[in-house]
């Protein structure tokens, strides 16, 4: 009886290890697929970065001008709101 229980336990352990091995192999395959897609995405991001590098100086100048406009329009907007509140 003891020998039967030991044999069944060893078989059960072997099955568990086998199932775990199969799932690890499947997970490894999925990770390789994900890695391939991430490589493609990284390549695309680098391409976009290189294509948009030429406009960086212009964007910086535009942002500076927009900050100046925002600084000027802020108080004007507050005055307009105050005038609207007084009328309405």
Foldseek 3Di string as FASTA:
>chain_A
DVVVVVVVVVVVVVVVVVVVVVVVVVVVVVVVVVVVVVVVVVVVVVVVCVVCVVCVVVVVVVVVVVVVVCVVCVVVVVVVVVVVVVVD
